[in-house]
Amino acid sequence: MSNQVQDTNYHIHVDSSHSFLTFNLKETWNYRDLIWLFTKKNLLVRYKQTVLGPLWLILSPTMTSIMYTIFFGTVAGIDTEGLPKIMFYLAMNGLWSYFSIVFFRCADLFRNHAYIFGKVYFPRLVMAFSEMLVSVIEFLIQLPVLVILCVWYSFHGMAIPYITWFWIVIILCWVGMMAMGCGILVSSFTTKYRDLRILVGYVVRLWMYATPVVYPLSILNPGWLRTLELLNPLTYPMEFFRKMVLGVGGAPVYSLVISVVFTVVAAVLGILVFNKMERNFMDTV
């Protein structure tokens, strides 16, 4: 009995004619191995020719948190709701840094990776998800510093809600999708309007001071300023992160609804516009 070998020819047709409402998420999922390959490559390349390597991931947020402790906590005397100041600033600065890093990396996606996009085809969202995954890994590398502080203060009588720490993963996905959605939306327009990237950079840096990063929400008295703060889509994730990790914090339910709706809209709109603009970005980048 002879073995018959069946020849199967695969034909993949790539063109730019697709609807604005095309998400391409299924195709992106088919390239999930490439997401992981880009993730490993980006991690290795970023710290390959540095003296301290990945230690910068620990030193940078730690030094920033120490400066916040000195100037905002000690000099300005901002209340941290009874939490040790260094612990408060390390936790909040860590989550904000994660958001801003994902945002800026996705905002520069077309510009930073044009050399790859112009040579070979793959769903461009692969690179966006890869950048978010890199930032998640970097955040997890930084996390042991906060864990050590929590353990230290636990031995000195502070109650740390370790049982709720599983929420960290959900919060990282939540904030990451918000940052990625906003970032790729900006990236879609900065390929044509370069000065928009400069403007957005200033806006995001000012956004930090409109978010409870260097101060808790509780220090704001009821009024228009507190209401404006609660309309900030990042307010609830920040307060919720502090509540789940350190046991102090919180915001009203309507702030949660605003944040979730904003995240969904930003992610959906960002993906739609990104997929639309990727068809001809090489002509303008």
Protein backbone atom coordinates (compact mmCIF):
# COMPACT_ATOMS: atom_id res chain seq x y z
CA MET A 1 0.00 0.00 0.00
CA SER A 2 1.61 3.20 -1.10
CA ASN A 3 1.58 6.33 0.95
CA GLN A 4 0.03 9.24 -0.79
CA VAL A 5 1.30 12.70 0.00
CA GLN A 6 -1.22 15.39 -0.50
CA ASP A 7 0.09 18.74 -1.60
CA THR A 8 -1.64 21.60 0.12
CA ASN A 9 -1.09 25.09 -1.15
CA TYR A 10 -1.74 27.96 1.21
CA HIS A 11 -2.53 31.35 -0.20
CA ILE A 12 -2.64 34.41 2.01
CA HIS A 13 -3.74 37.61 0.35
CA VAL A 14 -2.75 40.85 2.04
CA ASP A 15 -4.31 44.11 0.91
CA SER A 16 -5.44 47.43 2.33
CA SER A 17 -9.11 47.15 1.49
CA HIS A 18 -10.94 46.50 4.71
CA SER A 19 -13.75 48.15 6.60
CA PHE A 20 -13.16 50.78 9.27
CA LEU A 21 -14.88 48.43 11.74
CA THR A 22 -12.26 45.70 11.22
CA PHE A 23 -10.53 44.77 14.48
CA ASN A 24 -8.12 42.10 13.17
CA LEU A 25 -7.93 40.62 16.68
CA LYS A 26 -8.21 37.06 15.38
CA GLU A 27 -5.28 37.60 13.05
CA THR A 28 -3.31 39.21 15.87
CA TRP A 29 -4.01 36.17 18.06
CA ASN A 30 -2.67 33.91 15.31
CA TYR A 31 0.60 35.82 15.64
CA ARG A 32 0.81 35.35 19.42
CA ASP A 33 4.19 33.61 19.12
CA LEU A 34 5.53 36.74 17.43
CA ILE A 35 4.23 38.86 20.33
CA TRP A 36 6.32 36.80 22.74
CA LEU A 37 9.38 36.93 20.43
CA PHE A 38 9.19 40.74 20.21
CA THR A 39 8.71 40.89 23.99
CA LYS A 40 11.89 38.92 24.64
CA LYS A 41 13.80 40.90 22.02
CA ASN A 42 12.75 44.26 23.45
CA LEU A 43 13.66 43.24 27.00
CA LEU A 44 17.11 42.04 25.93
CA VAL A 45 17.91 44.97 23.65
CA ARG A 46 16.89 47.69 26.12
CA TYR A 47 19.25 46.51 28.86
CA LYS A 48 21.95 44.69 26.90
CA GLN A 49 24.52 47.49 26.73
CA THR A 50 23.92 49.05 30.14
CA VAL A 51 26.14 48.86 33.20
CA LEU A 52 23.42 47.86 35.67
CA GLY A 53 21.06 46.16 33.22
CA PRO A 54 17.58 45.38 34.65
CA LEU A 55 18.63 46.91 37.98
CA TRP A 56 17.64 50.24 36.46
CA LEU A 57 14.05 49.00 36.65
CA ILE A 58 14.41 48.95 40.44
CA LEU A 59 16.68 51.96 40.95
CA SER A 60 14.70 54.43 38.83
CA PRO A 61 11.27 54.14 40.56
CA THR A 62 12.95 53.78 43.97
CA MET A 63 14.94 57.00 43.58
CA THR A 64 11.89 58.81 42.20
CA SER A 65 9.80 57.63 45.15
CA ILE A 66 12.48 58.82 47.59
CA MET A 67 12.42 62.27 45.97
CA TYR A 68 8.61 62.34 46.19
CA THR A 69 8.86 61.36 49.86
CA ILE A 70 11.27 64.20 50.57
CA PHE A 71 9.57 66.99 48.63
CA PHE A 72 5.87 66.06 48.64
CA GLY A 73 5.73 64.06 51.87
CA THR A 74 8.19 65.93 54.10
CA VAL A 75 8.62 69.44 52.69
CA ALA A 76 5.05 69.93 51.43
CA GLY A 77 3.63 67.79 54.24
CA ILE A 78 1.03 66.02 52.10
CA ASP A 79 -0.99 63.52 54.10
CA THR A 80 -0.71 59.87 53.04
CA GLU A 81 -3.67 58.54 55.06
CA GLY A 82 -1.48 57.05 57.76
CA LEU A 83 0.64 55.03 55.36
CA PRO A 84 4.45 55.25 55.51
CA LYS A 85 5.33 57.90 52.94
CA ILE A 86 7.92 55.86 51.07
CA MET A 87 5.46 52.97 50.74
CA PHE A 88 2.69 55.28 49.50
CA TYR A 89 4.86 56.93 46.84
CA LEU A 90 6.51 53.69 45.73
CA ALA A 91 3.13 52.06 45.11
CA MET A 92 1.50 55.01 43.37
CA ASN A 93 4.56 55.99 41.34
CA GLY A 94 4.95 52.38 40.20
CA LEU A 95 1.44 52.17 38.75
CA TRP A 96 1.63 55.63 37.18
CA SER A 97 5.00 54.83 35.60
CA TYR A 98 3.51 51.67 34.15
CA PHE A 99 0.66 53.66 32.57
CA SER A 100 2.90 56.39 31.16
CA ILE A 101 5.48 53.93 29.79
CA VAL A 102 2.85 51.87 27.97
CA PHE A 103 1.28 55.07 26.65
CA PHE A 104 4.49 56.61 25.29
CA ARG A 105 5.78 53.34 23.83
CA CYS A 106 2.52 52.81 21.97
CA ALA A 107 2.39 56.49 20.95
CA ASP A 108 5.79 56.08 19.27
CA LEU A 109 4.95 52.72 17.73
CA PHE A 110 4.96 53.68 14.05
CA ARG A 111 7.99 55.94 14.36
CA ASN A 112 10.16 53.56 16.41
CA HIS A 113 9.37 50.43 14.40
CA ALA A 114 9.04 51.81 10.87
CA TYR A 115 12.19 49.92 9.87
CA ILE A 116 10.39 46.62 10.57
CA PHE A 117 6.95 47.63 9.32
CA GLY A 118 8.38 48.64 5.96
CA LYS A 119 10.03 45.26 5.34
CA VAL A 120 7.65 42.52 6.39
CA TYR A 121 3.93 42.10 6.98
CA PHE A 122 2.37 41.13 10.28
CA PRO A 123 -0.54 42.66 12.21
CA ARG A 124 0.82 45.93 13.60
CA LEU A 125 -1.15 45.39 16.82
CA VAL A 126 1.35 42.63 17.57
CA MET A 127 3.90 45.31 18.42
CA ALA A 128 1.44 47.22 20.63
CA PHE A 129 0.58 44.14 22.69
CA SER A 130 4.27 43.29 22.87
CA GLU A 131 5.11 46.73 24.30
CA MET A 132 2.36 46.35 26.90
CA LEU A 133 3.63 42.90 27.88
CA VAL A 134 7.18 44.24 28.23
CA SER A 135 5.89 46.95 30.57
CA VAL A 136 3.99 44.37 32.64
CA ILE A 137 7.17 42.33 33.08
CA GLU A 138 9.12 45.45 34.04
CA PHE A 139 6.46 46.34 36.62
CA LEU A 140 6.65 42.84 38.11
CA ILE A 141 10.44 43.18 38.36
CA GLN A 142 9.95 46.38 40.37
CA LEU A 143 7.24 44.87 42.60
CA PRO A 144 9.58 42.99 45.02
CA VAL A 145 10.79 46.34 46.42
CA LEU A 146 7.22 47.14 47.48
CA VAL A 147 6.80 43.57 48.79
CA ILE A 148 9.90 43.96 50.97
CA LEU A 149 8.55 47.22 52.41
CA CYS A 150 5.17 45.61 53.09
CA VAL A 151 6.78 42.68 54.88
CA TRP A 152 8.97 45.05 56.91
CA TYR A 153 6.04 47.17 58.08
CA SER A 154 3.97 44.04 58.70
CA PHE A 155 6.50 43.02 61.34
CA HIS A 156 6.02 46.47 62.89
CA GLY A 157 2.28 46.12 63.33
CA MET A 158 0.89 47.37 60.01
CA ALA A 159 -1.96 45.34 58.52
CA ILE A 160 -1.30 44.55 54.85
CA PRO A 161 -4.16 42.89 52.87
CA TYR A 162 -2.03 40.28 51.09
CA ILE A 163 -5.14 38.25 50.24
CA THR A 164 -6.35 40.93 47.81
CA TRP A 165 -3.07 41.22 45.91
CA PHE A 166 -4.42 39.01 43.12
CA TRP A 167 -6.22 42.17 41.93
CA ILE A 168 -2.84 43.50 40.77
CA VAL A 169 -3.06 41.40 37.60
CA ILE A 170 -6.54 42.72 36.79
CA ILE A 171 -5.49 46.32 37.46
CA LEU A 172 -2.43 45.94 35.21
CA CYS A 173 -4.63 44.67 32.37
CA TRP A 174 -7.14 47.47 33.01
CA VAL A 175 -4.61 50.31 33.10
CA GLY A 176 -2.54 48.72 30.31
CA MET A 177 -5.51 48.57 27.93
CA MET A 178 -6.35 52.19 28.73
CA ALA A 179 -2.77 53.29 28.06
CA MET A 180 -2.44 51.17 24.91
CA GLY A 181 -5.75 52.43 23.51
CA CYS A 182 -4.80 56.07 24.07
CA GLY A 183 -1.25 55.45 22.87
CA ILE A 184 -2.05 53.79 19.55
CA LEU A 185 -4.71 56.45 18.94
CA VAL A 186 -2.03 59.12 19.32
CA SER A 187 0.40 57.06 17.23
CA SER A 188 -2.11 56.94 14.38
CA PHE A 189 -2.18 60.73 14.10
CA THR A 190 1.44 61.60 14.94
CA THR A 191 2.65 59.86 11.79
CA LYS A 192 1.21 62.84 9.91
CA TYR A 193 1.19 65.57 12.56
CA ARG A 194 4.55 65.32 14.33
CA ASP A 195 4.04 68.23 16.73
CA LEU A 196 1.01 66.44 18.21
CA ARG A 197 3.44 64.08 19.95
CA ILE A 198 5.06 67.03 21.77
CA LEU A 199 1.69 68.39 22.87
CA VAL A 200 0.53 64.98 24.11
CA GLY A 201 3.77 64.58 26.05
CA TYR A 202 3.03 67.74 28.04
CA VAL A 203 -0.61 66.73 28.57
CA VAL A 204 0.33 63.31 29.98
CA ARG A 205 2.89 64.82 32.35
CA LEU A 206 0.28 67.30 33.61
CA TRP A 207 -2.20 64.41 33.83
CA MET A 208 -0.12 62.95 36.64
CA TYR A 209 -0.87 65.93 38.89
CA ALA A 210 -4.58 65.60 38.10
CA THR A 211 -4.38 61.98 39.29
CA PRO A 212 -3.94 60.84 42.93
CA VAL A 213 -0.29 59.85 42.52
CA VAL A 214 1.55 62.23 44.86
CA TYR A 215 -1.51 62.75 47.07
CA PRO A 216 -4.54 60.63 48.08
CA LEU A 217 -8.04 61.48 46.89
CA SER A 218 -9.17 61.92 50.50
CA ILE A 219 -7.30 65.21 50.94
CA LEU A 220 -9.66 66.92 48.46
CA ASN A 221 -12.71 68.43 50.11
CA PRO A 222 -16.15 67.99 48.50
CA GLY A 223 -16.47 70.52 45.70
CA TRP A 224 -15.75 71.09 42.02
CA LEU A 225 -12.09 70.10 42.35
CA ARG A 226 -12.89 66.71 43.88
CA THR A 227 -15.66 66.16 41.31
CA LEU A 228 -13.21 66.96 38.51
CA GLU A 229 -10.74 64.52 40.01
CA LEU A 230 -13.36 61.76 40.09
CA LEU A 231 -14.05 62.32 36.38
CA ASN A 232 -10.41 61.41 35.71
CA PRO A 233 -10.47 57.81 34.35
CA LEU A 234 -7.21 57.03 36.16
CA THR A 235 -8.44 58.08 39.59
CA TYR A 236 -10.35 54.90 40.39
CA PRO A 237 -7.60 52.45 39.28
CA MET A 238 -5.05 54.35 41.39
CA GLU A 239 -7.24 54.40 44.48
CA PHE A 240 -8.36 50.81 43.95
CA PHE A 241 -4.73 49.65 43.56
CA ARG A 242 -3.78 51.31 46.84
CA LYS A 243 -6.82 49.80 48.57
CA MET A 244 -6.08 46.26 47.34
CA VAL A 245 -2.32 46.43 48.01
CA LEU A 246 -2.00 48.67 51.06
CA GLY A 247 -5.50 48.57 52.52
CA VAL A 248 -6.23 52.31 52.32
CA GLY A 249 -8.04 54.22 49.59
CA GLY A 250 -11.20 54.16 47.55
CA ALA A 251 -13.49 56.15 45.26
CA PRO A 252 -17.24 56.23 44.48
CA VAL A 253 -18.82 53.73 42.12
CA TYR A 254 -19.53 56.32 39.43
CA SER A 255 -15.79 56.93 39.15
CA LEU A 256 -15.40 53.19 38.45
CA VAL A 257 -18.05 53.37 35.71
CA ILE A 258 -16.32 56.37 34.11
CA SER A 259 -12.97 54.59 34.15
CA VAL A 260 -14.30 51.33 32.67
CA VAL A 261 -16.28 53.11 29.94
CA PHE A 262 -13.28 55.28 29.06
CA THR A 263 -11.01 52.22 28.89
CA VAL A 264 -13.38 50.33 26.58
CA VAL A 265 -13.91 53.34 24.32
CA ALA A 266 -10.20 54.16 24.19
CA ALA A 267 -9.25 50.56 23.39
CA VAL A 268 -11.94 50.05 20.73
CA LEU A 269 -11.46 53.44 19.07
CA GLY A 270 -7.68 53.14 19.26
CA ILE A 271 -7.68 49.72 17.55
CA LEU A 272 -10.12 50.84 14.86
CA VAL A 273 -8.21 54.01 13.98
CA PHE A 274 -4.86 52.21 14.26
CA ASN A 275 -5.96 49.50 11.83
CA LYS A 276 -7.25 52.19 9.48
CA MET A 277 -4.08 54.27 9.54
CA GLU A 278 -1.64 51.36 9.27
CA ARG A 279 -2.58 50.89 5.62
CA ASN A 280 -0.72 54.01 4.48
CA PHE A 281 1.42 55.12 7.39
CA MET A 282 4.65 54.28 5.53
CA ASP A 283 3.82 57.14 3.15
CA THR A 284 3.80 59.69 5.96
CA VAL A 285 6.06 58.38 8.73
